[in-house]
Amino acid sequence: MVNDGRTMAWRKSRASGSGNCVEVAAVGRMIYVRDSKIAPSGSVLAFTEAEWDAFLSGVRAGEFGVDSLRSAKDEIMSVR
């Protein structure tokens, strides 16, 4: 990782009421994601800009809605 995560400009969603949520930061051409409850000592996920854009496109298209996730789980369970 570029640094230890303490000096990054982390951002939380404006929709985060409790303050405990996912935070994101951009450094160079990488996007970093962490859980604010265990920051700064917790794990940090790193994504390229292309991976992050693909994820956001999927979110906007509803690919990660609760119903979509449940139907994916049901499909996996029916294969077993």
PDB file of N, CA and C in Angstrom:
ATOM      1  N   MET A   1       0.838  -1.169   0.000  1.00  0.00           N
ATOM      2  CA  MET A   1       0.000   0.000   0.000  1.00  0.00           C
ATOM      3  C   MET A   1       0.887   1.237   0.000  1.00  0.00           C
ATOM      4  N   VAL A   2       0.348   2.335  -0.488  1.00  0.00           N
ATOM      5  CA  VAL A   2       1.105   3.562  -0.603  1.00  0.00           C
ATOM      6  C   VAL A   2       1.537   4.088   0.756  1.00  0.00           C
ATOM      7  N   ASN A   3       0.654   4.047   1.741  1.00  0.00           N
ATOM      8  CA  ASN A   3       1.008   4.463   3.099  1.00  0.00           C
ATOM      9  C   ASN A   3       0.202   3.641   4.097  1.00  0.00           C
ATOM     10  N   ASP A   4       0.308   3.969   5.368  1.00  0.00           N
ATOM     11  CA  ASP A   4      -0.338   3.149   6.391  1.00  0.00           C
ATOM     12  C   ASP A   4      -1.812   3.464   6.588  1.00  0.00           C
ATOM     13  N   GLY A   5      -2.387   4.363   5.831  1.00  0.00           N
ATOM     14  CA  GLY A   5      -3.814   4.646   5.934  1.00  0.00           C
ATOM     15  C   GLY A   5      -4.148   5.794   6.863  1.00  0.00           C
ATOM     16  N   ARG A   6      -3.212   6.220   7.660  1.00  0.00           N
ATOM     17  CA  ARG A   6      -3.510   7.287   8.616  1.00  0.00           C
ATOM     18  C   ARG A   6      -3.496   8.661   7.976  1.00  0.00           C
ATOM     19  N   THR A   7      -2.730   8.839   6.913  1.00  0.00           N
ATOM     20  CA  THR A   7      -2.622  10.146   6.281  1.00  0.00           C
ATOM     21  C   THR A   7      -3.487  10.280   5.035  1.00  0.00           C
ATOM     22  N   MET A   8      -4.249   9.261   4.707  1.00  0.00           N
ATOM     23  CA  MET A   8      -5.151   9.342   3.551  1.00  0.00           C
ATOM     24  C   MET A   8      -6.354  10.209   3.898  1.00  0.00           C
ATOM     25  N   ALA A   9      -6.938  10.817   2.886  1.00  0.00           N
ATOM     26  CA  ALA A   9      -8.147  11.612   3.071  1.00  0.00           C
ATOM     27  C   ALA A   9      -9.357  10.687   2.934  1.00  0.00           C
ATOM     28  N   TRP A  10      -9.759  10.068   4.030  1.00  0.00           N
ATOM     29  CA  TRP A  10     -10.866   9.111   4.038  1.00  0.00           C
ATOM     30  C   TRP A  10     -12.198   9.841   3.991  1.00  0.00           C
ATOM     31  N   ARG A  11     -13.158   9.282   3.244  1.00  0.00           N
ATOM     32  CA  ARG A  11     -14.498   9.861   3.131  1.00  0.00           C
ATOM     33  C   ARG A  11     -15.535   8.832   3.522  1.00  0.00           C
ATOM     34  N   LYS A  12     -16.559   9.290   4.241  1.00  0.00           N
ATOM     35  CA  LYS A  12     -17.712   8.456   4.598  1.00  0.00           C
ATOM     36  C   LYS A  12     -18.917   8.939   3.809  1.00  0.00           C
ATOM     37  N   SER A  13     -19.882   8.075   3.661  1.00  0.00           N
ATOM     38  CA  SER A  13     -21.131   8.464   3.010  1.00  0.00           C
ATOM     39  C   SER A  13     -21.873   9.490   3.850  1.00  0.00           C
ATOM     40  N   ARG A  14     -22.516  10.443   3.186  1.00  0.00           N
ATOM     41  CA  ARG A  14     -23.364  11.399   3.905  1.00  0.00           C
ATOM     42  C   ARG A  14     -24.558  10.698   4.541  1.00  0.00           C
ATOM     43  N   ALA A  15     -24.886   9.504   4.050  1.00  0.00           N
ATOM     44  CA  ALA A  15     -26.028   8.749   4.586  1.00  0.00           C
ATOM     45  C   ALA A  15     -25.673   7.999   5.863  1.00  0.00           C
ATOM     46  N   SER A  16     -24.430   8.056   6.278  1.00  0.00           N
ATOM     47  CA  SER A  16     -23.997   7.348   7.478  1.00  0.00           C
ATOM     48  C   SER A  16     -24.454   8.119   8.715  1.00  0.00           C
ATOM     49  N   GLY A  17     -25.488   7.614   9.356  1.00  0.00           N
ATOM     50  CA  GLY A  17     -26.010   8.281  10.538  1.00  0.00           C
ATOM     51  C   GLY A  17     -25.226   7.981  11.800  1.00  0.00           C
ATOM     52  N   SER A  18     -24.763   6.757  11.949  1.00  0.00           N
ATOM     53  CA  SER A  18     -24.095   6.342  13.180  1.00  0.00           C
ATOM     54  C   SER A  18     -22.613   6.678  13.192  1.00  0.00           C
ATOM     55  N   GLY A  19     -22.055   6.949  12.044  1.00  0.00           N
ATOM     56  CA  GLY A  19     -20.620   7.195  11.968  1.00  0.00           C
ATOM     57  C   GLY A  19     -19.814   5.931  11.745  1.00  0.00           C
ATOM     58  N   ASN A  20     -20.415   4.777  11.934  1.00  0.00           N
ATOM     59  CA  ASN A  20     -19.751   3.502  11.676  1.00  0.00           C
ATOM     60  C   ASN A  20     -20.151   3.015  10.298  1.00  0.00           C
ATOM     61  N   CYS A  21     -19.228   3.089   9.383  1.00  0.00           N
ATOM     62  CA  CYS A  21     -19.565   2.687   8.015  1.00  0.00           C
ATOM     63  C   CYS A  21     -18.301   2.389   7.236  1.00  0.00           C
ATOM     64  N   VAL A  22     -18.461   2.258   5.960  1.00  0.00           N
ATOM     65  CA  VAL A  22     -17.342   2.055   5.053  1.00  0.00           C
ATOM     66  C   VAL A  22     -16.776   3.423   4.682  1.00  0.00           C
ATOM     67  N   GLU A  23     -15.459   3.513   4.645  1.00  0.00           N
ATOM     68  CA  GLU A  23     -14.786   4.738   4.226  1.00  0.00           C
ATOM     69  C   GLU A  23     -13.955   4.441   2.983  1.00  0.00           C
ATOM     70  N   VAL A  24     -13.826   5.425   2.111  1.00  0.00           N
ATOM     71  CA  VAL A  24     -13.011   5.266   0.904  1.00  0.00           C
ATOM     72  C   VAL A  24     -12.002   6.406   0.801  1.00  0.00           C
ATOM     73  N   ALA A  25     -10.887   6.110   0.154  1.00  0.00           N
ATOM     74  CA  ALA A  25      -9.853   7.112  -0.105  1.00  0.00           C
ATOM     75  C   ALA A  25      -9.223   6.811  -1.451  1.00  0.00           C
ATOM     76  N   ALA A  26      -8.793   7.855  -2.133  1.00  0.00           N
ATOM     77  CA  ALA A  26      -8.102   7.697  -3.415  1.00  0.00           C
ATOM     78  C   ALA A  26      -6.684   8.210  -3.268  1.00  0.00           C
ATOM     79  N   VAL A  27      -5.739   7.382  -3.702  1.00  0.00           N
ATOM     80  CA  VAL A  27      -4.332   7.763  -3.716  1.00  0.00           C
ATOM     81  C   VAL A  27      -3.773   7.327  -5.055  1.00  0.00           C
ATOM     82  N   GLY A  28      -3.312   8.286  -5.825  1.00  0.00           N
ATOM     83  CA  GLY A  28      -2.835   7.951  -7.161  1.00  0.00           C
ATOM     84  C   GLY A  28      -3.973   7.359  -7.979  1.00  0.00           C
ATOM     85  N   ARG A  29      -3.740   6.205  -8.548  1.00  0.00           N
ATOM     86  CA  ARG A  29      -4.754   5.553  -9.378  1.00  0.00           C
ATOM     87  C   ARG A  29      -5.410   4.375  -8.653  1.00  0.00           C
ATOM     88  N   MET A  30      -5.310   4.379  -7.331  1.00  0.00           N
ATOM     89  CA  MET A  30      -5.892   3.305  -6.525  1.00  0.00           C
ATOM     90  C   MET A  30      -6.977   3.863  -5.614  1.00  0.00           C
ATOM     91  N   ILE A  31      -7.980   3.030  -5.331  1.00  0.00           N
ATOM     92  CA  ILE A  31      -9.062   3.352  -4.404  1.00  0.00           C
ATOM     93  C   ILE A  31      -8.942   2.383  -3.234  1.00  0.00           C
ATOM     94  N   TYR A  32      -8.993   2.915  -2.025  1.00  0.00           N
ATOM     95  CA  TYR A  32      -8.867   2.107  -0.811  1.00  0.00           C
ATOM     96  C   TYR A  32     -10.170   2.157  -0.032  1.00  0.00           C
ATOM     97  N   VAL A  33     -10.532   1.034   0.576  1.00  0.00           N
ATOM     98  CA  VAL A  33     -11.788   0.911   1.326  1.00  0.00           C
ATOM     99  C   VAL A  33     -11.475   0.285   2.682  1.00  0.00           C
ATOM    100  N   ARG A  34     -12.097   0.840   3.747  1.00  0.00           N
ATOM    101  CA  ARG A  34     -11.902   0.279   5.081  1.00  0.00           C
ATOM    102  C   ARG A  34     -13.182   0.413   5.896  1.00  0.00           C
ATOM    103  N   ASP A  35     -13.252  -0.335   6.976  1.00  0.00           N
ATOM    104  CA  ASP A  35     -14.359  -0.274   7.928  1.00  0.00           C
ATOM    105  C   ASP A  35     -14.006   0.767   8.978  1.00  0.00           C
ATOM    106  N   SER A  36     -14.821   1.792   9.116  1.00  0.00           N
ATOM    107  CA  SER A  36     -14.494   2.875  10.047  1.00  0.00           C
ATOM    108  C   SER A  36     -14.464   2.416  11.509  1.00  0.00           C
ATOM    109  N   LYS A  37     -15.162   1.330  11.828  1.00  0.00           N
ATOM    110  CA  LYS A  37     -15.200   0.853  13.216  1.00  0.00           C
ATOM    111  C   LYS A  37     -13.848   0.325  13.690  1.00  0.00           C
ATOM    112  N   ILE A  38     -13.029  -0.163  12.767  1.00  0.00           N
ATOM    113  CA  ILE A  38     -11.741  -0.745  13.157  1.00  0.00           C
ATOM    114  C   ILE A  38     -10.556   0.035  12.590  1.00  0.00           C
ATOM    115  N   ALA A  39     -10.819   1.209  12.053  1.00  0.00           N
ATOM    116  CA  ALA A  39      -9.745   2.049  11.513  1.00  0.00           C
ATOM    117  C   ALA A  39      -8.994   2.696  12.662  1.00  0.00           C
ATOM    118  N   PRO A  40      -7.752   2.993  12.564  1.00  0.00           N
ATOM    119  CA  PRO A  40      -6.886   2.793  11.402  1.00  0.00           C
ATOM    120  C   PRO A  40      -6.134   1.470  11.415  1.00  0.00           C
ATOM    121  N   SER A  41      -6.366   0.619  12.412  1.00  0.00           N
ATOM    122  CA  SER A  41      -5.564  -0.604  12.523  1.00  0.00           C
ATOM    123  C   SER A  41      -6.121  -1.781  11.725  1.00  0.00           C
ATOM    124  N   GLY A  42      -7.336  -1.661  11.202  1.00  0.00           N
ATOM    125  CA  GLY A  42      -7.956  -2.769  10.478  1.00  0.00           C
ATOM    126  C   GLY A  42      -7.434  -2.917   9.060  1.00  0.00           C
ATOM    127  N   SER A  43      -7.938  -3.918   8.394  1.00  0.00           N
ATOM    128  CA  SER A  43      -7.534  -4.190   7.017  1.00  0.00           C
ATOM    129  C   SER A  43      -8.074  -3.127   6.066  1.00  0.00           C
ATOM    130  N   VAL A  44      -7.377  -2.966   4.965  1.00  0.00           N
ATOM    131  CA  VAL A  44      -7.773  -2.036   3.919  1.00  0.00           C
ATOM    132  C   VAL A  44      -7.795  -2.800   2.610  1.00  0.00           C
ATOM    133  N   LEU A  45      -8.879  -2.667   1.864  1.00  0.00           N
ATOM    134  CA  LEU A  45      -8.973  -3.270   0.538  1.00  0.00           C
ATOM    135  C   LEU A  45      -8.501  -2.255  -0.493  1.00  0.00           C
ATOM    136  N   ALA A  46      -7.839  -2.715  -1.541  1.00  0.00           N
ATOM    137  CA  ALA A  46      -7.333  -1.822  -2.589  1.00  0.00           C
ATOM    138  C   ALA A  46      -7.900  -2.247  -3.940  1.00  0.00           C
ATOM    139  N   PHE A  47      -8.348  -1.257  -4.708  1.00  0.00           N
ATOM    140  CA  PHE A  47      -8.929  -1.500  -6.027  1.00  0.00           C
ATOM    141  C   PHE A  47      -8.327  -0.530  -7.039  1.00  0.00           C
ATOM    142  N   THR A  48      -8.176  -0.992  -8.263  1.00  0.00           N
ATOM    143  CA  THR A  48      -7.773  -0.072  -9.327  1.00  0.00           C
ATOM    144  C   THR A  48      -8.975   0.821  -9.651  1.00  0.00           C
ATOM    145  N   GLU A  49      -8.718   1.904 -10.372  1.00  0.00           N
ATOM    146  CA  GLU A  49      -9.826   2.778 -10.779  1.00  0.00           C
ATOM    147  C   GLU A  49     -10.845   2.015 -11.619  1.00  0.00           C
ATOM    148  N   ALA A  50     -10.378   1.152 -12.506  1.00  0.00           N
ATOM    149  CA  ALA A  50     -11.281   0.376 -13.364  1.00  0.00           C
ATOM    150  C   ALA A  50     -12.151  -0.562 -12.536  1.00  0.00           C
ATOM    151  N   GLU A  51     -11.563  -1.216 -11.543  1.00  0.00           N
ATOM    152  CA  GLU A  51     -12.347  -2.105 -10.675  1.00  0.00           C
ATOM    153  C   GLU A  51     -13.390  -1.319  -9.892  1.00  0.00           C
ATOM    154  N   TRP A  52     -12.997  -0.165  -9.366  1.00  0.00           N
ATOM    155  CA  TRP A  52     -13.923   0.667  -8.591  1.00  0.00           C
ATOM    156  C   TRP A  52     -15.068   1.158  -9.475  1.00  0.00           C
ATOM    157  N   ASP A  53     -14.752   1.610 -10.688  1.00  0.00           N
ATOM    158  CA  ASP A  53     -15.792   2.073 -11.610  1.00  0.00           C
ATOM    159  C   ASP A  53     -16.755   0.944 -11.963  1.00  0.00           C
ATOM    160  N   ALA A  54     -16.222  -0.265 -12.154  1.00  0.00           N
ATOM    161  CA  ALA A  54     -17.082  -1.415 -12.457  1.00  0.00           C
ATOM    162  C   ALA A  54     -18.007  -1.724 -11.280  1.00  0.00           C
ATOM    163  N   PHE A  55     -17.471  -1.643 -10.065  1.00  0.00           N
ATOM    164  CA  PHE A  55     -18.291  -1.868  -8.871  1.00  0.00           C
ATOM    165  C   PHE A  55     -19.403  -0.819  -8.780  1.00  0.00           C
ATOM    166  N   LEU A  56     -19.061   0.453  -8.945  1.00  0.00           N
ATOM    167  CA  LEU A  56     -20.069   1.512  -8.860  1.00  0.00           C
ATOM    168  C   LEU A  56     -21.127   1.371  -9.947  1.00  0.00           C
ATOM    169  N   SER A  57     -20.724   0.958 -11.140  1.00  0.00           N
ATOM    170  CA  SER A  57     -21.703   0.715 -12.210  1.00  0.00           C
ATOM    171  C   SER A  57     -22.673  -0.389 -11.815  1.00  0.00           C
ATOM    172  N   GLY A  58     -22.149  -1.438 -11.192  1.00  0.00           N
ATOM    173  CA  GLY A  58     -23.000  -2.529 -10.724  1.00  0.00           C
ATOM    174  C   GLY A  58     -23.959  -2.079  -9.636  1.00  0.00           C
ATOM    175  N   VAL A  59     -23.482  -1.231  -8.731  1.00  0.00           N
ATOM    176  CA  VAL A  59     -24.353  -0.700  -7.672  1.00  0.00           C
ATOM    177  C   VAL A  59     -25.475   0.114  -8.301  1.00  0.00           C
ATOM    178  N   ARG A  60     -25.125   1.007  -9.217  1.00  0.00           N
ATOM    179  CA  ARG A  60     -26.134   1.853  -9.874  1.00  0.00           C
ATOM    180  C   ARG A  60     -27.144   1.039 -10.657  1.00  0.00           C
ATOM    181  N   ALA A  61     -26.710  -0.099 -11.199  1.00  0.00           N
ATOM    182  CA  ALA A  61     -27.600  -0.959 -11.993  1.00  0.00           C
ATOM    183  C   ALA A  61     -28.431  -1.898 -11.120  1.00  0.00           C
ATOM    184  N   GLY A  62     -28.219  -1.863  -9.800  1.00  0.00           N
ATOM    185  CA  GLY A  62     -28.997  -2.699  -8.897  1.00  0.00           C
ATOM    186  C   GLY A  62     -28.473  -4.108  -8.722  1.00  0.00           C
ATOM    187  N   GLU A  63     -27.262  -4.377  -9.189  1.00  0.00           N
ATOM    188  CA  GLU A  63     -26.706  -5.726  -9.093  1.00  0.00           C
ATOM    189  C   GLU A  63     -26.435  -6.171  -7.664  1.00  0.00           C
ATOM    190  N   PHE A  64     -26.348  -5.236  -6.731  1.00  0.00           N
ATOM    191  CA  PHE A  64     -26.018  -5.580  -5.354  1.00  0.00           C
ATOM    192  C   PHE A  64     -27.160  -5.262  -4.399  1.00  0.00           C
ATOM    193  N   GLY A  65     -28.361  -5.088  -4.930  1.00  0.00           N
ATOM    194  CA  GLY A  65     -29.526  -4.888  -4.079  1.00  0.00           C
ATOM    195  C   GLY A  65     -29.817  -6.164  -3.297  1.00  0.00           C
ATOM    196  N   VAL A  66     -30.552  -6.027  -2.220  1.00  0.00           N
ATOM    197  CA  VAL A  66     -30.844  -7.176  -1.350  1.00  0.00           C
ATOM    198  C   VAL A  66     -31.514  -8.297  -2.141  1.00  0.00           C
ATOM    199  N   ASP A  67     -32.481  -7.966  -2.974  1.00  0.00           N
ATOM    200  CA  ASP A  67     -33.165  -9.004  -3.749  1.00  0.00           C
ATOM    201  C   ASP A  67     -32.210  -9.730  -4.697  1.00  0.00           C
ATOM    202  N   SER A  68     -31.301  -8.979  -5.324  1.00  0.00           N
ATOM    203  CA  SER A  68     -30.322  -9.600  -6.221  1.00  0.00           C
ATOM    204  C   SER A  68     -29.395 -10.532  -5.462  1.00  0.00           C
ATOM    205  N   LEU A  69     -28.965 -10.104  -4.291  1.00  0.00           N
ATOM    206  CA  LEU A  69     -28.070 -10.942  -3.492  1.00  0.00           C
ATOM    207  C   LEU A  69     -28.778 -12.205  -3.013  1.00  0.00           C
ATOM    208  N   ARG A  70     -30.032 -12.071  -2.620  1.00  0.00           N
ATOM    209  CA  ARG A  70     -30.784 -13.256  -2.179  1.00  0.00           C
ATOM    210  C   ARG A  70     -30.991 -14.237  -3.323  1.00  0.00           C
ATOM    211  N   SER A  71     -31.325 -13.741  -4.504  1.00  0.00           N
ATOM    212  CA  SER A  71     -31.551 -14.644  -5.626  1.00  0.00           C
ATOM    213  C   SER A  71     -30.247 -15.332  -6.027  1.00  0.00           C
ATOM    214  N   ALA A  72     -29.114 -14.639  -5.938  1.00  0.00           N
ATOM    215  CA  ALA A  72     -27.826 -15.267  -6.231  1.00  0.00           C
ATOM    216  C   ALA A  72     -27.536 -16.373  -5.234  1.00  0.00           C
ATOM    217  N   LYS A  73     -27.841 -16.134  -3.953  1.00  0.00           N
ATOM    218  CA  LYS A  73     -27.625 -17.155  -2.929  1.00  0.00           C
ATOM    219  C   LYS A  73     -28.525 -18.357  -3.204  1.00  0.00           C
ATOM    220  N   ASP A  74     -29.790 -18.118  -3.569  1.00  0.00           N
ATOM    221  CA  ASP A  74     -30.711 -19.205  -3.866  1.00  0.00           C
ATOM    222  C   ASP A  74     -30.205 -20.040  -5.043  1.00  0.00           C
ATOM    223  N   GLU A  75     -29.653 -19.372  -6.077  1.00  0.00           N
ATOM    224  CA  GLU A  75     -29.108 -20.088  -7.230  1.00  0.00           C
ATOM    225  C   GLU A  75     -27.945 -20.981  -6.813  1.00  0.00           C
ATOM    226  N   ILE A  76     -27.074 -20.471  -5.962  1.00  0.00           N
ATOM    227  CA  ILE A  76     -25.917 -21.250  -5.499  1.00  0.00           C
ATOM    228  C   ILE A  76     -26.400 -22.457  -4.682  1.00  0.00           C
ATOM    229  N   MET A  77     -27.352 -22.238  -3.813  1.00  0.00           N
ATOM    230  CA  MET A  77     -27.854 -23.314  -2.958  1.00  0.00           C
ATOM    231  C   MET A  77     -28.541 -24.402  -3.776  1.00  0.00           C
ATOM    232  N   SER A  78     -29.203 -24.029  -4.868  1.00  0.00           N
ATOM    233  CA  SER A  78     -29.908 -25.033  -5.674  1.00  0.00           C
ATOM    234  C   SER A  78     -28.926 -25.903  -6.464  1.00  0.00           C
ATOM    235  N   VAL A  79     -27.729 -25.420  -6.712  1.00  0.00           N
ATOM    236  CA  VAL A  79     -26.714 -26.193  -7.421  1.00  0.00           C
ATOM    237  C   VAL A  79     -26.125 -27.259  -6.536  1.00  0.00           C
ATOM    238  N   ARG A  80     -26.044 -26.993  -5.243  1.00  0.00           N
ATOM    239  CA  ARG A  80     -25.439 -27.953  -4.307  1.00  0.00           C
ATOM    240  C   ARG A  80     -26.307 -29.106  -4.168  1.00  0.00           C
TER     241      ARG A  80
END
